[in-house]
Amino acid sequence: RLKESSYYTHLRHLHPKYAVLLSTIHMMTQGVSGGDILRMANNIIKLRQMTVLLQQMNALHHIPAGMEKIQVLTLSMDDFIVHPEENAK
């Protein structure tokens, strides 16, 4: 019976603790539309590495023109997507 059921139905039949665990893993590893949590963490690590590299280059006076600093812009999804209700279709 559950074999043909939706993902949501499967979650509802699990103990809440395991449903949250499965849902979290699904969000972290899902193909094209998922994995954002892992990518965000990787982006933070890479930006920190870039900041350290620029500081080291600055100390040695080896910074190419235009690379004196790095600026990070963080946007909320509400700011990024003008009409989220239309994009959810």
PDB file of N, CA and C in Angstrom:
ATOM      1  N   ARG A   1       0.821  -1.195   0.000  1.00  0.00           N
ATOM      2  CA  ARG A   1       0.000   0.000   0.000  1.00  0.00           C
ATOM      3  C   ARG A   1       0.868   1.264   0.000  1.00  0.00           C
ATOM      4  N   LEU A   2       1.890   1.306   0.836  1.00  0.00           N
ATOM      5  CA  LEU A   2       2.787   2.469   0.860  1.00  0.00           C
ATOM      6  C   LEU A   2       3.701   2.503  -0.355  1.00  0.00           C
ATOM      7  N   LYS A   3       3.812   1.376  -1.044  1.00  0.00           N
ATOM      8  CA  LYS A   3       4.717   1.316  -2.190  1.00  0.00           C
ATOM      9  C   LYS A   3       4.372   2.366  -3.250  1.00  0.00           C
ATOM     10  N   GLU A   4       3.091   2.621  -3.468  1.00  0.00           N
ATOM     11  CA  GLU A   4       2.662   3.605  -4.448  1.00  0.00           C
ATOM     12  C   GLU A   4       2.372   4.972  -3.828  1.00  0.00           C
ATOM     13  N   SER A   5       2.619   5.122  -2.557  1.00  0.00           N
ATOM     14  CA  SER A   5       2.293   6.371  -1.860  1.00  0.00           C
ATOM     15  C   SER A   5       3.335   7.447  -2.128  1.00  0.00           C
ATOM     16  N   SER A   6       2.930   8.665  -1.848  1.00  0.00           N
ATOM     17  CA  SER A   6       3.829   9.807  -2.048  1.00  0.00           C
ATOM     18  C   SER A   6       4.868   9.883  -0.928  1.00  0.00           C
ATOM     19  N   TYR A   7       5.864  10.680  -1.167  1.00  0.00           N
ATOM     20  CA  TYR A   7       6.915  10.916  -0.169  1.00  0.00           C
ATOM     21  C   TYR A   7       6.294  11.454   1.120  1.00  0.00           C
ATOM     22  N   TYR A   8       5.380  12.410   0.982  1.00  0.00           N
ATOM     23  CA  TYR A   8       4.722  13.011   2.141  1.00  0.00           C
ATOM     24  C   TYR A   8       3.954  11.965   2.950  1.00  0.00           C
ATOM     25  N   THR A   9       3.274  11.050   2.269  1.00  0.00           N
ATOM     26  CA  THR A   9       2.538   9.993   2.968  1.00  0.00           C
ATOM     27  C   THR A   9       3.498   9.097   3.735  1.00  0.00           C
ATOM     28  N   HIS A  10       4.625   8.793   3.135  1.00  0.00           N
ATOM     29  CA  HIS A  10       5.632   7.986   3.834  1.00  0.00           C
ATOM     30  C   HIS A  10       6.106   8.701   5.097  1.00  0.00           C
ATOM     31  N   LEU A  11       6.355   9.996   4.981  1.00  0.00           N
ATOM     32  CA  LEU A  11       6.794  10.753   6.158  1.00  0.00           C
ATOM     33  C   LEU A  11       5.763  10.705   7.271  1.00  0.00           C
ATOM     34  N   ARG A  12       4.514  10.796   6.922  1.00  0.00           N
ATOM     35  CA  ARG A  12       3.440  10.802   7.917  1.00  0.00           C
ATOM     36  C   ARG A  12       3.317   9.471   8.648  1.00  0.00           C
ATOM     37  N   HIS A  13       3.792   8.396   8.044  1.00  0.00           N
ATOM     38  CA  HIS A  13       3.714   7.081   8.684  1.00  0.00           C
ATOM     39  C   HIS A  13       4.930   6.776   9.563  1.00  0.00           C
ATOM     40  N   LEU A  14       5.916   7.644   9.514  1.00  0.00           N
ATOM     41  CA  LEU A  14       7.105   7.446  10.345  1.00  0.00           C
ATOM     42  C   LEU A  14       6.929   8.108  11.704  1.00  0.00           C
ATOM     43  N   HIS A  15       7.699   7.647  12.672  1.00  0.00           N
ATOM     44  CA  HIS A  15       7.789   8.339  13.964  1.00  0.00           C
ATOM     45  C   HIS A  15       8.308   9.753  13.676  1.00  0.00           C
ATOM     46  N   PRO A  16       7.764  10.781  14.342  1.00  0.00           N
ATOM     47  CA  PRO A  16       8.175  12.170  14.038  1.00  0.00           C
ATOM     48  C   PRO A  16       9.682  12.395  14.016  1.00  0.00           C
ATOM     49  N   LYS A  17      10.416  11.777  14.934  1.00  0.00           N
ATOM     50  CA  LYS A  17      11.870  11.930  14.983  1.00  0.00           C
ATOM     51  C   LYS A  17      12.502  11.439  13.676  1.00  0.00           C
ATOM     52  N   TYR A  18      12.058  10.283  13.195  1.00  0.00           N
ATOM     53  CA  TYR A  18      12.624   9.717  11.979  1.00  0.00           C
ATOM     54  C   TYR A  18      12.130  10.441  10.723  1.00  0.00           C
ATOM     55  N   ALA A  19      10.930  10.978  10.791  1.00  0.00           N
ATOM     56  CA  ALA A  19      10.411  11.755   9.662  1.00  0.00           C
ATOM     57  C   ALA A  19      11.240  13.021   9.467  1.00  0.00           C
ATOM     58  N   VAL A  20      11.576  13.698  10.559  1.00  0.00           N
ATOM     59  CA  VAL A  20      12.407  14.905  10.470  1.00  0.00           C
ATOM     60  C   VAL A  20      13.799  14.540   9.977  1.00  0.00           C
ATOM     61  N   LEU A  21      14.354  13.458  10.472  1.00  0.00           N
ATOM     62  CA  LEU A  21      15.674  13.013  10.045  1.00  0.00           C
ATOM     63  C   LEU A  21      15.682  12.694   8.548  1.00  0.00           C
ATOM     64  N   LEU A  22      14.704  11.938   8.086  1.00  0.00           N
ATOM     65  CA  LEU A  22      14.625  11.590   6.669  1.00  0.00           C
ATOM     66  C   LEU A  22      14.430  12.841   5.817  1.00  0.00           C
ATOM     67  N   SER A  23      13.563  13.727   6.246  1.00  0.00           N
ATOM     68  CA  SER A  23      13.302  14.946   5.485  1.00  0.00           C
ATOM     69  C   SER A  23      14.555  15.815   5.391  1.00  0.00           C
ATOM     70  N   THR A  24      15.304  15.917   6.472  1.00  0.00           N
ATOM     71  CA  THR A  24      16.542  16.706   6.479  1.00  0.00           C
ATOM     72  C   THR A  24      17.575  16.108   5.538  1.00  0.00           C
ATOM     73  N   ILE A  25      17.747  14.808   5.607  1.00  0.00           N
ATOM     74  CA  ILE A  25      18.692  14.134   4.715  1.00  0.00           C
ATOM     75  C   ILE A  25      18.261  14.323   3.261  1.00  0.00           C
ATOM     76  N   HIS A  26      16.984  14.226   3.016  1.00  0.00           N
ATOM     77  CA  HIS A  26      16.457  14.401   1.657  1.00  0.00           C
ATOM     78  C   HIS A  26      16.776  15.800   1.139  1.00  0.00           C
ATOM     79  N   MET A  27      16.566  16.820   1.975  1.00  0.00           N
ATOM     80  CA  MET A  27      16.848  18.196   1.560  1.00  0.00           C
ATOM     81  C   MET A  27      18.341  18.422   1.315  1.00  0.00           C
ATOM     82  N   MET A  28      19.179  17.739   2.083  1.00  0.00           N
ATOM     83  CA  MET A  28      20.616  17.944   1.967  1.00  0.00           C
ATOM     84  C   MET A  28      21.213  17.244   0.754  1.00  0.00           C
ATOM     85  N   THR A  29      20.595  16.171   0.316  1.00  0.00           N
ATOM     86  CA  THR A  29      21.225  15.361  -0.725  1.00  0.00           C
ATOM     87  C   THR A  29      20.446  15.296  -2.021  1.00  0.00           C
ATOM     88  N   GLN A  30      19.281  15.890  -2.066  1.00  0.00           N
ATOM     89  CA  GLN A  30      18.439  15.825  -3.265  1.00  0.00           C
ATOM     90  C   GLN A  30      19.161  16.455  -4.443  1.00  0.00           C
ATOM     91  N   GLY A  31      19.078  15.855  -5.599  1.00  0.00           N
ATOM     92  CA  GLY A  31      19.758  16.276  -6.823  1.00  0.00           C
ATOM     93  C   GLY A  31      19.797  17.756  -7.125  1.00  0.00           C
ATOM     94  N   VAL A  32      19.271  18.151  -8.247  1.00  0.00           N
ATOM     95  CA  VAL A  32      19.373  19.524  -8.744  1.00  0.00           C
ATOM     96  C   VAL A  32      18.687  20.520  -7.812  1.00  0.00           C
ATOM     97  N   SER A  33      17.526  20.176  -7.297  1.00  0.00           N
ATOM     98  CA  SER A  33      16.773  21.131  -6.487  1.00  0.00           C
ATOM     99  C   SER A  33      17.143  21.091  -5.018  1.00  0.00           C
ATOM    100  N   GLY A  34      18.011  20.210  -4.606  1.00  0.00           N
ATOM    101  CA  GLY A  34      18.367  20.099  -3.200  1.00  0.00           C
ATOM    102  C   GLY A  34      19.848  20.300  -2.974  1.00  0.00           C
ATOM    103  N   GLY A  35      20.284  19.973  -1.793  1.00  0.00           N
ATOM    104  CA  GLY A  35      21.690  20.103  -1.458  1.00  0.00           C
ATOM    105  C   GLY A  35      22.100  21.509  -1.084  1.00  0.00           C
ATOM    106  N   ASP A  36      21.142  22.417  -0.957  1.00  0.00           N
ATOM    107  CA  ASP A  36      21.475  23.809  -0.649  1.00  0.00           C
ATOM    108  C   ASP A  36      22.188  23.959   0.687  1.00  0.00           C
ATOM    109  N   ILE A  37      21.789  23.160   1.663  1.00  0.00           N
ATOM    110  CA  ILE A  37      22.410  23.267   2.988  1.00  0.00           C
ATOM    111  C   ILE A  37      23.905  22.971   2.887  1.00  0.00           C
ATOM    112  N   LEU A  38      24.255  21.932   2.140  1.00  0.00           N
ATOM    113  CA  LEU A  38      25.663  21.578   1.982  1.00  0.00           C
ATOM    114  C   LEU A  38      26.413  22.615   1.160  1.00  0.00           C
ATOM    115  N   ARG A  39      25.773  23.133   0.107  1.00  0.00           N
ATOM    116  CA  ARG A  39      26.432  24.153  -0.715  1.00  0.00           C
ATOM    117  C   ARG A  39      26.662  25.437   0.068  1.00  0.00           C
ATOM    118  N   MET A  40      25.710  25.806   0.922  1.00  0.00           N
ATOM    119  CA  MET A  40      25.880  27.026   1.721  1.00  0.00           C
ATOM    120  C   MET A  40      27.090  26.895   2.639  1.00  0.00           C
ATOM    121  N   ALA A  41      27.226  25.749   3.288  1.00  0.00           N
ATOM    122  CA  ALA A  41      28.367  25.538   4.176  1.00  0.00           C
ATOM    123  C   ALA A  41      29.673  25.592   3.394  1.00  0.00           C
ATOM    124  N   ASN A  42      29.704  24.978   2.221  1.00  0.00           N
ATOM    125  CA  ASN A  42      30.901  25.005   1.386  1.00  0.00           C
ATOM    126  C   ASN A  42      31.233  26.434   0.957  1.00  0.00           C
ATOM    127  N   ASN A  43      30.217  27.209   0.607  1.00  0.00           N
ATOM    128  CA  ASN A  43      30.449  28.600   0.209  1.00  0.00           C
ATOM    129  C   ASN A  43      31.058  29.411   1.344  1.00  0.00           C
ATOM    130  N   ILE A  44      30.587  29.196   2.562  1.00  0.00           N
ATOM    131  CA  ILE A  44      31.138  29.905   3.723  1.00  0.00           C
ATOM    132  C   ILE A  44      32.613  29.549   3.898  1.00  0.00           C
ATOM    133  N   ILE A  45      32.929  28.277   3.791  1.00  0.00           N
ATOM    134  CA  ILE A  45      34.321  27.832   3.930  1.00  0.00           C
ATOM    135  C   ILE A  45      35.196  28.464   2.850  1.00  0.00           C
ATOM    136  N   LYS A  46      34.747  28.439   1.605  1.00  0.00           N
ATOM    137  CA  LYS A  46      35.538  28.991   0.502  1.00  0.00           C
ATOM    138  C   LYS A  46      35.706  30.500   0.640  1.00  0.00           C
ATOM    139  N   LEU A  47      34.692  31.215   1.084  1.00  0.00           N
ATOM    140  CA  LEU A  47      34.818  32.661   1.278  1.00  0.00           C
ATOM    141  C   LEU A  47      35.822  32.979   2.391  1.00  0.00           C
ATOM    142  N   ARG A  48      35.815  32.184   3.446  1.00  0.00           N
ATOM    143  CA  ARG A  48      36.800  32.385   4.524  1.00  0.00           C
ATOM    144  C   ARG A  48      38.211  32.107   4.027  1.00  0.00           C
ATOM    145  N   GLN A  49      38.363  31.058   3.220  1.00  0.00           N
ATOM    146  CA  GLN A  49      39.677  30.754   2.654  1.00  0.00           C
ATOM    147  C   GLN A  49      40.154  31.892   1.762  1.00  0.00           C
ATOM    148  N   MET A  50      39.257  32.459   0.985  1.00  0.00           N
ATOM    149  CA  MET A  50      39.613  33.572   0.106  1.00  0.00           C
ATOM    150  C   MET A  50      40.025  34.790   0.918  1.00  0.00           C
ATOM    151  N   THR A  51      39.312  35.054   2.006  1.00  0.00           N
ATOM    152  CA  THR A  51      39.650  36.183   2.874  1.00  0.00           C
ATOM    153  C   THR A  51      41.053  36.019   3.459  1.00  0.00           C
ATOM    154  N   VAL A  52      41.375  34.813   3.927  1.00  0.00           N
ATOM    155  CA  VAL A  52      42.704  34.545   4.483  1.00  0.00           C
ATOM    156  C   VAL A  52      43.766  34.707   3.402  1.00  0.00           C
ATOM    157  N   LEU A  53      43.506  34.199   2.208  1.00  0.00           N
ATOM    158  CA  LEU A  53      44.456  34.320   1.103  1.00  0.00           C
ATOM    159  C   LEU A  53      44.716  35.793   0.774  1.00  0.00           C
ATOM    160  N   LEU A  54      43.665  36.589   0.700  1.00  0.00           N
ATOM    161  CA  LEU A  54      43.844  38.011   0.408  1.00  0.00           C
ATOM    162  C   LEU A  54      44.625  38.722   1.502  1.00  0.00           C
ATOM    163  N   GLN A  55      44.401  38.339   2.745  1.00  0.00           N
ATOM    164  CA  GLN A  55      45.171  38.936   3.847  1.00  0.00           C
ATOM    165  C   GLN A  55      46.649  38.586   3.731  1.00  0.00           C
ATOM    166  N   GLN A  56      46.924  37.334   3.385  1.00  0.00           N
ATOM    167  CA  GLN A  56      48.317  36.912   3.221  1.00  0.00           C
ATOM    168  C   GLN A  56      48.968  37.633   2.046  1.00  0.00           C
ATOM    169  N   MET A  57      48.247  37.753   0.952  1.00  0.00           N
ATOM    170  CA  MET A  57      48.788  38.448  -0.220  1.00  0.00           C
ATOM    171  C   MET A  57      48.998  39.929   0.089  1.00  0.00           C
ATOM    172  N   ASN A  58      48.083  40.503   0.847  1.00  0.00           N
ATOM    173  CA  ASN A  58      48.206  41.905   1.229  1.00  0.00           C
ATOM    174  C   ASN A  58      49.455  42.119   2.083  1.00  0.00           C
ATOM    175  N   ALA A  59      49.711  41.185   2.984  1.00  0.00           N
ATOM    176  CA  ALA A  59      50.892  41.291   3.846  1.00  0.00           C
ATOM    177  C   ALA A  59      52.179  41.229   3.031  1.00  0.00           C
ATOM    178  N   LEU A  60      52.152  40.500   1.934  1.00  0.00           N
ATOM    179  CA  LEU A  60      53.330  40.369   1.075  1.00  0.00           C
ATOM    180  C   LEU A  60      53.336  41.387  -0.069  1.00  0.00           C
ATOM    181  N   HIS A  61      52.293  42.214  -0.134  1.00  0.00           N
ATOM    182  CA  HIS A  61      52.134  43.224  -1.188  1.00  0.00           C
ATOM    183  C   HIS A  61      52.089  42.600  -2.578  1.00  0.00           C
ATOM    184  N   HIS A  62      51.426  41.446  -2.686  1.00  0.00           N
ATOM    185  CA  HIS A  62      51.303  40.753  -3.966  1.00  0.00           C
ATOM    186  C   HIS A  62      49.855  40.674  -4.443  1.00  0.00           C
ATOM    187  N   ILE A  63      49.097  41.701  -4.211  1.00  0.00           N
ATOM    188  CA  ILE A  63      47.690  41.664  -4.616  1.00  0.00           C
ATOM    189  C   ILE A  63      47.539  42.301  -5.993  1.00  0.00           C
ATOM    190  N   PRO A  64      46.967  41.565  -6.944  1.00  0.00           N
ATOM    191  CA  PRO A  64      46.717  42.145  -8.268  1.00  0.00           C
ATOM    192  C   PRO A  64      45.719  43.305  -8.173  1.00  0.00           C
ATOM    193  N   ALA A  65      45.818  44.228  -9.099  1.00  0.00           N
ATOM    194  CA  ALA A  65      44.918  45.376  -9.109  1.00  0.00           C
ATOM    195  C   ALA A  65      43.470  44.912  -9.156  1.00  0.00           C
ATOM    196  N   GLY A  66      42.642  45.525  -8.345  1.00  0.00           N
ATOM    197  CA  GLY A  66      41.227  45.200  -8.297  1.00  0.00           C
ATOM    198  C   GLY A  66      40.866  44.073  -7.357  1.00  0.00           C
ATOM    199  N   MET A  67      41.858  43.457  -6.737  1.00  0.00           N
ATOM    200  CA  MET A  67      41.587  42.354  -5.814  1.00  0.00           C
ATOM    201  C   MET A  67      41.983  42.696  -4.385  1.00  0.00           C
ATOM    202  N   GLU A  68      41.940  43.964  -4.049  1.00  0.00           N
ATOM    203  CA  GLU A  68      42.372  44.381  -2.720  1.00  0.00           C
ATOM    204  C   GLU A  68      41.484  43.828  -1.612  1.00  0.00           C
ATOM    205  N   LYS A  69      40.215  43.623  -1.923  1.00  0.00           N
ATOM    206  CA  LYS A  69      39.301  43.085  -0.920  1.00  0.00           C
ATOM    207  C   LYS A  69      38.197  42.312  -1.627  1.00  0.00           C
ATOM    208  N   ILE A  70      37.518  41.521  -0.847  1.00  0.00           N
ATOM    209  CA  ILE A  70      36.385  40.760  -1.370  1.00  0.00           C
ATOM    210  C   ILE A  70      35.152  41.216  -0.606  1.00  0.00           C
ATOM    211  N   GLN A  71      34.070  41.416  -1.312  1.00  0.00           N
ATOM    212  CA  GLN A  71      32.819  41.800  -0.688  1.00  0.00           C
ATOM    213  C   GLN A  71      31.818  40.661  -0.854  1.00  0.00           C
ATOM    214  N   VAL A  72      31.109  40.356   0.219  1.00  0.00           N
ATOM    215  CA  VAL A  72      30.116  39.291   0.195  1.00  0.00           C
ATOM    216  C   VAL A  72      28.747  39.931   0.388  1.00  0.00           C
ATOM    217  N   LEU A  73      27.850  39.635  -0.511  1.00  0.00           N
ATOM    218  CA  LEU A  73      26.489  40.136  -0.444  1.00  0.00           C
ATOM    219  C   LEU A  73      25.577  38.972  -0.111  1.00  0.00           C
ATOM    220  N   THR A  74      24.816  39.106   0.949  1.00  0.00           N
ATOM    221  CA  THR A  74      23.890  38.059   1.358  1.00  0.00           C
ATOM    222  C   THR A  74      22.470  38.553   1.147  1.00  0.00           C
ATOM    223  N   LEU A  75      21.682  37.761   0.440  1.00  0.00           N
ATOM    224  CA  LEU A  75      20.293  38.104   0.161  1.00  0.00           C
ATOM    225  C   LEU A  75      19.377  37.041   0.742  1.00  0.00           C
ATOM    226  N   SER A  76      18.261  37.483   1.280  1.00  0.00           N
ATOM    227  CA  SER A  76      17.248  36.507   1.685  1.00  0.00           C
ATOM    228  C   SER A  76      16.506  36.067   0.432  1.00  0.00           C
ATOM    229  N   MET A  77      15.900  34.916   0.480  1.00  0.00           N
ATOM    230  CA  MET A  77      15.153  34.441  -0.675  1.00  0.00           C
ATOM    231  C   MET A  77      14.022  35.401  -1.021  1.00  0.00           C
ATOM    232  N   ASP A  78      13.422  36.032   0.001  1.00  0.00           N
ATOM    233  CA  ASP A  78      12.341  36.985  -0.259  1.00  0.00           C
ATOM    234  C   ASP A  78      12.844  38.180  -1.059  1.00  0.00           C
ATOM    235  N   ASP A  79      14.077  38.605  -0.822  1.00  0.00           N
ATOM    236  CA  ASP A  79      14.649  39.709  -1.583  1.00  0.00           C
ATOM    237  C   ASP A  79      15.088  39.262  -2.971  1.00  0.00           C
ATOM    238  N   PHE A  80      15.547  38.023  -3.066  1.00  0.00           N
ATOM    239  CA  PHE A  80      16.074  37.509  -4.322  1.00  0.00           C
ATOM    240  C   PHE A  80      14.962  37.183  -5.321  1.00  0.00           C
ATOM    241  N   ILE A  81      13.900  36.574  -4.817  1.00  0.00           N
ATOM    242  CA  ILE A  81      12.769  36.205  -5.670  1.00  0.00           C
ATOM    243  C   ILE A  81      11.692  37.268  -5.496  1.00  0.00           C
ATOM    244  N   VAL A  82      11.422  38.010  -6.548  1.00  0.00           N
ATOM    245  CA  VAL A  82      10.481  39.129  -6.472  1.00  0.00           C
ATOM    246  C   VAL A  82       9.067  38.660  -6.154  1.00  0.00           C
ATOM    247  N   HIS A  83       8.630  37.609  -6.805  1.00  0.00           N
ATOM    248  CA  HIS A  83       7.270  37.108  -6.586  1.00  0.00           C
ATOM    249  C   HIS A  83       7.346  35.619  -6.247  1.00  0.00           C
ATOM    250  N   PRO A  84       7.651  35.286  -4.972  1.00  0.00           N
ATOM    251  CA  PRO A  84       7.840  33.861  -4.619  1.00  0.00           C
ATOM    252  C   PRO A  84       6.607  33.001  -4.886  1.00  0.00           C
ATOM    253  N   GLU A  85       5.418  33.580  -4.753  1.00  0.00           N
ATOM    254  CA  GLU A  85       4.209  32.782  -4.985  1.00  0.00           C
ATOM    255  C   GLU A  85       4.106  32.317  -6.442  1.00  0.00           C
ATOM    256  N   GLU A  86       4.634  33.097  -7.371  1.00  0.00           N
ATOM    257  CA  GLU A  86       4.607  32.704  -8.781  1.00  0.00           C
ATOM    258  C   GLU A  86       5.669  31.651  -9.081  1.00  0.00           C
ATOM    259  N   ASN A  87       6.794  31.707  -8.380  1.00  0.00           N
ATOM    260  CA  ASN A  87       7.871  30.758  -8.621  1.00  0.00           C
ATOM    261  C   ASN A  87       7.600  29.396  -7.994  1.00  0.00           C
ATOM    262  N   ALA A  88       6.623  29.324  -7.090  1.00  0.00           N
ATOM    263  CA  ALA A  88       6.314  28.065  -6.412  1.00  0.00           C
ATOM    264  C   ALA A  88       5.421  27.159  -7.259  1.00  0.00           C
ATOM    265  N   LYS A  89       4.939  27.662  -8.395  1.00  0.00           N
ATOM    266  CA  LYS A  89       4.027  26.875  -9.235  1.00  0.00           C
ATOM    267  C   LYS A  89       4.757  25.799  -9.990  1.00  0.00           C
TER     268      LYS A  89
END
